[in-house]
Protein backbone atom coordinates (compact mmCIF):
# COMPACT_ATOMS: atom_id res chain seq x y z
CA UNK A 1 0.00 0.00 0.00
CA UNK A 2 1.24 3.50 -0.82
CA UNK A 3 0.04 6.73 0.71
CA UNK A 4 1.34 9.82 -1.11
CA UNK A 5 0.31 13.03 0.59
CA UNK A 6 1.64 16.42 -0.44
CA UNK A 7 0.81 20.10 -0.52
CA UNK A 8 2.41 22.93 -2.41
CA UNK A 9 2.24 26.64 -3.02
CA UNK A 10 3.87 28.69 -5.74
CA UNK A 11 7.35 29.77 -4.72
CA UNK A 12 6.39 33.44 -4.93
CA UNK A 13 3.22 32.97 -2.81
CA UNK A 14 4.86 33.26 0.61
CA UNK A 15 1.62 34.44 2.26
CA UNK A 16 -0.22 31.29 1.16
CA UNK A 17 2.64 29.06 2.34
CA UNK A 18 2.58 30.72 5.76
CA UNK A 19 -1.21 30.39 5.96
CA UNK A 20 -1.09 26.68 5.08
CA UNK A 21 1.75 26.07 7.56
CA UNK A 22 -0.21 27.83 10.31
CA UNK A 23 -3.38 25.85 9.55
CA UNK A 24 -1.46 22.57 9.58
CA UNK A 25 0.14 23.49 12.90
CA UNK A 26 -3.25 24.42 14.42
CA UNK A 27 -4.95 21.24 13.20
CA UNK A 28 -2.04 18.80 13.66
CA UNK A 29 -3.81 16.79 16.35
CA UNK A 30 -6.85 16.39 14.09
CA UNK A 31 -4.72 15.31 11.12
CA UNK A 32 -2.77 12.86 13.31
CA UNK A 33 -6.03 11.37 14.60
CA UNK A 34 -7.40 10.88 11.07
CA UNK A 35 -4.19 9.26 9.86
CA UNK A 36 -4.13 7.01 12.94
CA UNK A 37 -7.81 6.05 12.51
CA UNK A 38 -7.17 5.03 8.90
CA UNK A 39 -3.91 3.29 9.87
CA UNK A 40 -1.80 5.37 7.49
CA UNK A 41 1.85 4.45 8.07
CA UNK A 42 3.94 7.36 9.35
CA UNK A 43 7.63 8.12 9.10
CA UNK A 44 9.61 8.48 12.28
CA UNK A 45 9.45 12.18 13.19
CA UNK A 46 13.18 12.41 13.93
CA UNK A 47 14.02 10.96 10.51
CA UNK A 48 11.73 13.48 8.80
CA UNK A 49 13.35 16.41 10.57
CA UNK A 50 16.80 15.16 9.60
CA UNK A 51 15.72 14.80 5.98
CA UNK A 52 16.14 11.02 5.87
CA UNK A 53 13.79 8.06 5.84
CA UNK A 54 13.92 5.33 8.47
């Protein structure tokens, strides 16, 4: 099973990027709960921050 999830904004649209980042930060618990409920595999958070996959 593969779960590709991504979001993007045009490079020059800094305001939109900041708005999306803020919304994701505010709703992180909700997104985590949905992913957990649907058993979507997650990468290790430390690996994501370091830019590597586990």
